[in-house]
Amino acid sequence: MKLLRVGPPGAERPFALGPDGTAYDLSGLTPDIDGAFLSRLGPDRFDPAELAAAVARGELPTADLTGLRIGAPVARPGKLVCVGLNYRDHAEEAGAAIPAEPVLFLKGTDTVIGPDDEVLVPRGAAKTDHEIELAVVIGRRARYLETDEQAAACIAGYAISNDVTERAFQLERGGQWDKGKCCETFNPLGPWLVTPDEVADPQALPLRLWVNGELRQDGNTAAQIFPVLEVLRYISRFMVLEPGDVVSTGTPAGVAMGRPDTPFLVPGDVLELEIEGLGRQRQVLGKA
């Protein structure tokens, strides 16, 4: 099942996409796609097949979404937990040692925007960069997970995330990474939340990013140092993940920081991102 939220910022409505791309209005079932709704997803809770059956029976109204803004597929996430240096080739291009344990950092949830919304280059920025990532949306409380099976049961779905980063703020201004990670608009998310029944293997997903039509990142989640389920188990030792939280699982090589001859992002640049089966994003950069 593909879930999405459509409408102006702060007034999005929930929809599901059928196999033929028809959009079905979920407003009669839930006011939004949020933690409360996502906690109902899962084979032992709310089976996505039930919704598919309702679609097949014609019980949900359809809508034409042509030309309408798509918002982030989950409303008001409580936490945005990110994994740094989770691809060997990215760690190498960054000049960093291969981590022995997942590198974790938090990103402000107010950075989350729609997949095609404008990304703002911060005032005083010098090295704005891109990072395509597989995001995991949590659907069940995750606390001290012991097994991969327990971790898998906590996943409501997957989405594309762009972990936009201002490297000069991150690495040259002292302190932790937050300064370069938490600038406004620095986390386009979506377009869809794709439920696990449609993702055969989260460790076999090609992911690509283009800047002004030039392919910059071309990787596969198979190359992650710490796979998705291990990441969730690890995080759950240090913090509780709640329904609606988002975990971004790292980026492959190809960021501007790792390419001495590659320019960083500037206003007017166009980013395009895709992960197989999870849709596409497109952002035009503007000025803050």
Protein backbone atom coordinates (compact mmCIF):
# COMPACT_ATOMS: atom_id res chain seq x y z
CA MET A 1 0.00 0.00 0.00
CA LYS A 2 1.20 3.53 -0.80
CA LEU A 3 0.00 6.22 1.60
CA LEU A 4 0.36 9.94 0.99
CA ARG A 5 -0.83 13.32 2.26
CA VAL A 6 -2.00 15.97 -0.17
CA GLY A 7 -2.84 19.63 0.25
CA PRO A 8 -1.40 22.91 1.54
CA PRO A 9 1.16 22.79 4.37
CA GLY A 10 -0.64 22.10 7.63
CA ALA A 11 -3.88 21.15 5.89
CA GLU A 12 -2.96 17.92 4.12
CA ARG A 13 -5.51 15.13 3.68
CA PRO A 14 -4.74 11.37 3.75
CA PHE A 15 -4.92 9.21 0.62
CA ALA A 16 -3.96 5.74 -0.55
CA LEU A 17 -2.90 4.83 -4.07
CA GLY A 18 -4.40 1.80 -5.76
CA PRO A 19 -2.38 -0.53 -8.01
CA ASP A 20 -3.43 1.49 -11.07
CA GLY A 21 -2.50 4.83 -9.47
CA THR A 22 -6.05 5.79 -8.52
CA ALA A 23 -6.11 7.94 -5.36
CA TYR A 24 -8.56 6.94 -2.63
CA ASP A 25 -9.58 9.43 0.05
CA LEU A 26 -8.96 8.08 3.56
CA SER A 27 -10.54 11.02 5.39
CA GLY A 28 -13.47 8.84 6.43
CA LEU A 29 -11.10 6.41 8.13
CA THR A 30 -8.56 8.74 9.72
CA PRO A 31 -8.07 12.50 9.99
CA ASP A 32 -4.39 12.14 9.08
CA ILE A 33 -1.50 9.73 8.54
CA ASP A 34 0.10 10.14 11.93
CA GLY A 35 1.39 8.04 14.78
CA ALA A 36 -2.10 7.11 15.92
CA PHE A 37 -3.05 5.80 12.48
CA LEU A 38 0.29 4.12 11.83
CA SER A 39 0.08 2.23 15.11
CA ARG A 40 -2.85 0.36 13.57
CA LEU A 41 -0.82 -0.91 10.61
CA GLY A 42 0.63 -4.40 10.71
CA PRO A 43 -0.41 -8.01 10.11
CA ASP A 44 -1.47 -8.48 13.74
CA ARG A 45 -3.16 -5.07 13.98
CA PHE A 46 -4.50 -3.37 10.84
CA ASP A 47 -3.66 -5.42 7.76
CA PRO A 48 -3.01 -3.23 4.70
CA ALA A 49 -4.83 -5.91 2.71
CA GLU A 50 -8.04 -4.86 4.46
CA LEU A 51 -7.70 -1.39 2.99
CA ALA A 52 -6.92 -2.87 -0.41
CA ALA A 53 -10.08 -4.95 -0.13
CA ALA A 54 -12.12 -1.85 0.72
CA VAL A 55 -10.69 -0.19 -2.38
CA ALA A 56 -11.62 -3.20 -4.49
CA ARG A 57 -15.18 -3.09 -3.15
CA GLY A 58 -15.52 0.57 -4.09
CA GLU A 59 -16.08 1.67 -0.49
CA LEU A 60 -13.66 4.62 -0.60
CA PRO A 61 -14.19 7.79 -2.64
CA THR A 62 -11.66 8.57 -5.34
CA ALA A 63 -10.01 11.90 -6.06
CA ASP A 64 -8.02 13.55 -8.81
CA LEU A 65 -4.76 14.78 -7.28
CA THR A 66 -3.34 16.24 -10.48
CA GLY A 67 -1.48 19.47 -9.79
CA LEU A 68 -1.93 19.30 -6.02
CA ARG A 69 0.95 19.61 -3.56
CA ILE A 70 2.14 16.40 -1.91
CA GLY A 71 3.19 16.75 1.71
CA ALA A 72 5.44 14.55 3.80
CA PRO A 73 3.73 11.14 4.13
CA VAL A 74 3.68 11.19 7.93
CA ALA A 75 2.31 14.07 9.97
CA ARG A 76 4.06 15.50 13.00
CA PRO A 77 6.79 12.89 13.58
CA GLY A 78 7.90 12.86 17.18
CA LYS A 79 11.56 12.14 16.43
CA LEU A 80 13.80 12.08 13.39
CA VAL A 81 16.74 9.76 14.12
CA CYS A 82 19.54 9.60 11.54
CA VAL A 83 22.42 7.21 10.97
CA GLY A 84 25.70 8.70 9.78
CA LEU A 85 28.43 6.99 7.78
CA ASN A 86 26.34 3.86 7.17
CA TYR A 87 27.81 3.10 3.73
CA ARG A 88 31.47 2.14 3.48
CA ASP A 89 32.02 4.16 0.30
CA HIS A 90 30.52 7.29 1.90
CA ALA A 91 32.68 6.92 5.01
CA GLU A 92 35.74 6.54 2.79
CA GLU A 93 34.93 9.61 0.70
CA ALA A 94 34.40 11.58 3.92
CA GLY A 95 37.79 10.49 5.21
CA ALA A 96 36.18 8.83 8.23
CA ALA A 97 36.93 5.49 9.82
CA ILE A 98 34.42 2.70 9.26
CA PRO A 99 32.26 2.89 12.41
CA ALA A 100 32.24 -0.05 14.79
CA GLU A 101 28.70 0.87 15.87
CA PRO A 102 25.99 2.96 14.17
CA VAL A 103 26.63 6.70 14.38
CA LEU A 104 23.41 8.35 15.55
CA PHE A 105 22.22 11.94 15.53
CA LEU A 106 18.85 13.64 15.84
CA LYS A 107 17.45 16.08 13.33
CA GLY A 108 14.75 18.63 14.12
CA THR A 109 11.37 17.35 12.95
CA ASP A 110 10.47 20.86 11.81
CA THR A 111 12.97 20.32 8.97
CA VAL A 112 10.52 17.86 7.36
CA ILE A 113 8.82 19.17 4.20
CA GLY A 114 7.07 17.67 1.20
CA PRO A 115 9.07 15.80 -1.45
CA ASP A 116 8.81 18.60 -4.02
CA ASP A 117 8.84 21.61 -1.71
CA GLU A 118 11.48 24.32 -2.01
CA VAL A 119 14.72 23.72 -0.10
CA LEU A 120 16.17 26.94 1.31
CA VAL A 121 19.93 27.52 1.31
CA PRO A 122 20.64 29.11 4.72
CA ARG A 123 22.02 32.61 5.09
CA GLY A 124 25.80 32.45 5.39
CA ALA A 125 25.93 28.95 3.90
CA ALA A 126 28.98 27.91 1.89
CA LYS A 127 28.78 24.14 1.49
CA THR A 128 25.17 22.96 1.20
CA ASP A 129 25.06 19.27 0.30
CA HIS A 130 22.58 16.48 -0.48
CA GLU A 131 22.14 12.98 0.98
CA ILE A 132 19.57 10.53 -0.40
CA GLU A 133 18.49 8.04 2.26
CA LEU A 134 16.05 5.22 2.89
CA ALA A 135 13.74 6.32 5.70
CA VAL A 136 11.90 3.91 7.98
CA VAL A 137 8.64 5.06 9.56
CA ILE A 138 7.82 3.48 12.90
CA GLY A 139 4.39 1.96 13.52
CA ARG A 140 4.80 0.28 16.90
CA ARG A 141 6.61 1.27 20.09
CA ALA A 142 10.18 -0.01 19.89
CA ARG A 143 11.99 -0.52 23.18
CA TYR A 144 14.95 -2.86 23.78
CA LEU A 145 14.31 -4.91 20.65
CA GLU A 146 16.07 -8.27 20.80
CA THR A 147 15.45 -9.86 17.40
CA ASP A 148 15.08 -8.91 13.76
CA GLU A 149 11.52 -10.21 13.90
CA GLN A 150 10.68 -7.76 16.67
CA ALA A 151 12.30 -4.93 14.71
CA ALA A 152 10.40 -5.80 11.53
CA ALA A 153 7.11 -5.77 13.44
CA CYS A 154 7.74 -2.11 14.37
CA ILE A 155 7.96 -0.87 10.78
CA ALA A 156 4.92 0.91 9.36
CA GLY A 157 6.59 1.65 6.05
CA TYR A 158 9.43 3.11 4.03
CA ALA A 159 10.01 6.44 2.28
CA ILE A 160 12.64 8.55 0.54
CA SER A 161 14.48 11.10 2.67
CA ASN A 162 16.88 13.84 1.57
CA ASP A 163 19.15 14.63 4.52
CA VAL A 164 20.20 18.06 3.25
CA THR A 165 23.27 19.30 5.14
CA GLU A 166 25.26 22.53 5.34
CA ARG A 167 28.79 21.14 5.71
CA ALA A 168 30.43 24.38 6.81
CA PHE A 169 27.93 24.68 9.66
CA GLN A 170 28.28 20.97 10.45
CA LEU A 171 32.06 20.66 10.46
CA GLU A 172 33.64 24.09 10.70
CA ARG A 173 31.59 26.04 13.24
CA GLY A 174 32.29 24.00 16.39
CA GLY A 175 29.93 21.86 18.41
CA GLN A 176 27.98 18.88 17.12
CA TRP A 177 26.42 18.24 13.71
CA ASP A 178 23.11 19.89 14.60
CA LYS A 179 24.03 23.28 13.15
CA GLY A 180 24.39 21.80 9.67
CA LYS A 181 21.52 19.34 9.88
CA CYS A 182 18.64 21.28 11.40
CA CYS A 183 18.26 24.24 9.04
CA GLU A 184 14.68 24.87 7.88
CA THR A 185 13.47 22.70 4.96
CA PHE A 186 16.46 20.36 5.31
CA ASN A 187 14.50 17.09 5.18
CA PRO A 188 12.22 16.53 2.18
CA LEU A 189 10.31 13.28 2.83
CA GLY A 190 8.11 11.18 0.57
CA PRO A 191 6.22 11.20 -1.74
CA TRP A 192 4.75 8.02 -0.29
CA LEU A 193 4.89 5.85 2.75
CA VAL A 194 5.12 2.36 1.26
CA THR A 195 4.01 -0.41 3.59
CA PRO A 196 6.34 -3.39 4.13
CA ASP A 197 4.17 -5.77 2.13
CA GLU A 198 5.27 -3.89 -1.00
CA VAL A 199 8.99 -3.85 -0.14
CA ALA A 200 10.31 -7.36 -0.64
CA ASP A 201 13.76 -6.62 0.79
CA PRO A 202 14.80 -3.26 2.28
CA GLN A 203 18.43 -4.34 1.72
CA ALA A 204 18.04 -4.53 -2.06
CA LEU A 205 16.85 -1.05 -3.03
CA PRO A 206 18.70 1.04 -5.64
CA LEU A 207 18.80 4.73 -4.72
CA ARG A 208 19.89 7.60 -6.98
CA LEU A 209 20.20 11.38 -6.84
CA TRP A 210 20.76 13.90 -9.62
CA VAL A 211 21.83 17.56 -9.44
CA ASN A 212 20.81 19.60 -12.49
CA GLY A 213 20.46 16.36 -14.44
CA GLU A 214 23.89 14.99 -13.45
CA LEU A 215 23.86 11.68 -11.60
CA ARG A 216 25.70 12.26 -8.33
CA GLN A 217 24.66 9.34 -6.09
CA ASP A 218 24.05 5.82 -7.39
CA GLY A 219 23.96 3.22 -4.64
CA ASN A 220 22.06 0.31 -3.18
CA THR A 221 20.90 -0.39 0.35
CA ALA A 222 22.65 -3.76 0.06
CA ALA A 223 25.86 -1.82 0.78
CA GLN A 224 24.75 -0.55 4.19
CA ILE A 225 27.23 -1.33 6.96
CA PHE A 226 24.40 -1.75 9.45
CA PRO A 227 21.19 -3.05 7.84
CA VAL A 228 17.78 -1.63 8.62
CA LEU A 229 16.70 -4.17 11.23
CA GLU A 230 20.03 -4.00 13.05
CA VAL A 231 19.77 -0.21 13.07
CA LEU A 232 16.33 -0.36 14.69
CA ARG A 233 17.48 -2.85 17.31
CA TYR A 234 20.49 -0.69 18.08
CA ILE A 235 18.55 2.56 18.41
CA SER A 236 16.03 0.90 20.72
CA ARG A 237 18.80 0.33 23.28
CA PHE A 238 19.29 4.05 23.69
CA MET A 239 15.87 5.59 23.13
CA VAL A 240 12.27 4.51 22.70
CA LEU A 241 10.90 4.80 19.17
CA GLU A 242 7.21 5.67 19.00
CA PRO A 243 4.65 5.33 16.17
CA GLY A 244 5.21 8.15 13.69
CA ASP A 245 8.93 8.50 14.41
CA VAL A 246 11.24 8.43 11.37
CA VAL A 247 14.65 6.75 11.09
CA SER A 248 16.91 7.76 8.18
CA THR A 249 19.41 5.00 7.50
CA GLY A 250 22.38 6.74 5.87
CA THR A 251 23.56 7.82 2.43
CA PRO A 252 25.85 6.23 -0.18
CA ALA A 253 28.87 7.90 -1.79
CA GLY A 254 28.54 10.81 -4.18
CA VAL A 255 27.94 13.80 -1.93
CA ALA A 256 29.73 17.02 -2.84
CA MET A 257 31.84 16.85 0.33
CA GLY A 258 33.48 13.71 -1.03
CA ARG A 259 34.22 15.11 -4.50
CA PRO A 260 36.84 17.89 -4.47
CA ASP A 261 35.93 19.04 -7.99
CA THR A 262 32.16 18.98 -7.45
CA PRO A 263 30.40 22.25 -6.54
CA PHE A 264 28.16 22.45 -3.51
CA LEU A 265 24.49 23.36 -3.93
CA VAL A 266 23.38 26.92 -4.63
CA PRO A 267 19.99 28.59 -5.15
CA GLY A 268 18.52 27.60 -8.50
CA ASP A 269 19.91 24.06 -8.45
CA VAL A 270 17.45 21.23 -9.07
CA LEU A 271 17.62 17.98 -7.08
CA GLU A 272 15.92 14.79 -8.25
CA LEU A 273 15.86 11.64 -6.12
CA GLU A 274 14.47 8.14 -6.49
CA ILE A 275 14.46 4.85 -4.63
CA GLU A 276 13.10 1.85 -6.50
CA GLY A 277 9.47 1.29 -5.56
CA LEU A 278 9.32 4.34 -3.28
CA GLY A 279 8.75 7.07 -5.86
CA ARG A 280 10.62 10.25 -6.78
CA GLN A 281 11.35 13.67 -5.33
CA ARG A 282 12.22 16.96 -7.04
CA GLN A 283 13.35 20.10 -5.26
CA VAL A 284 14.42 23.51 -6.53
CA LEU A 285 16.74 25.36 -4.16
CA GLY A 286 15.94 28.89 -3.06
CA LYS A 287 17.29 31.45 -0.61
CA ALA A 288 16.42 31.58 3.07
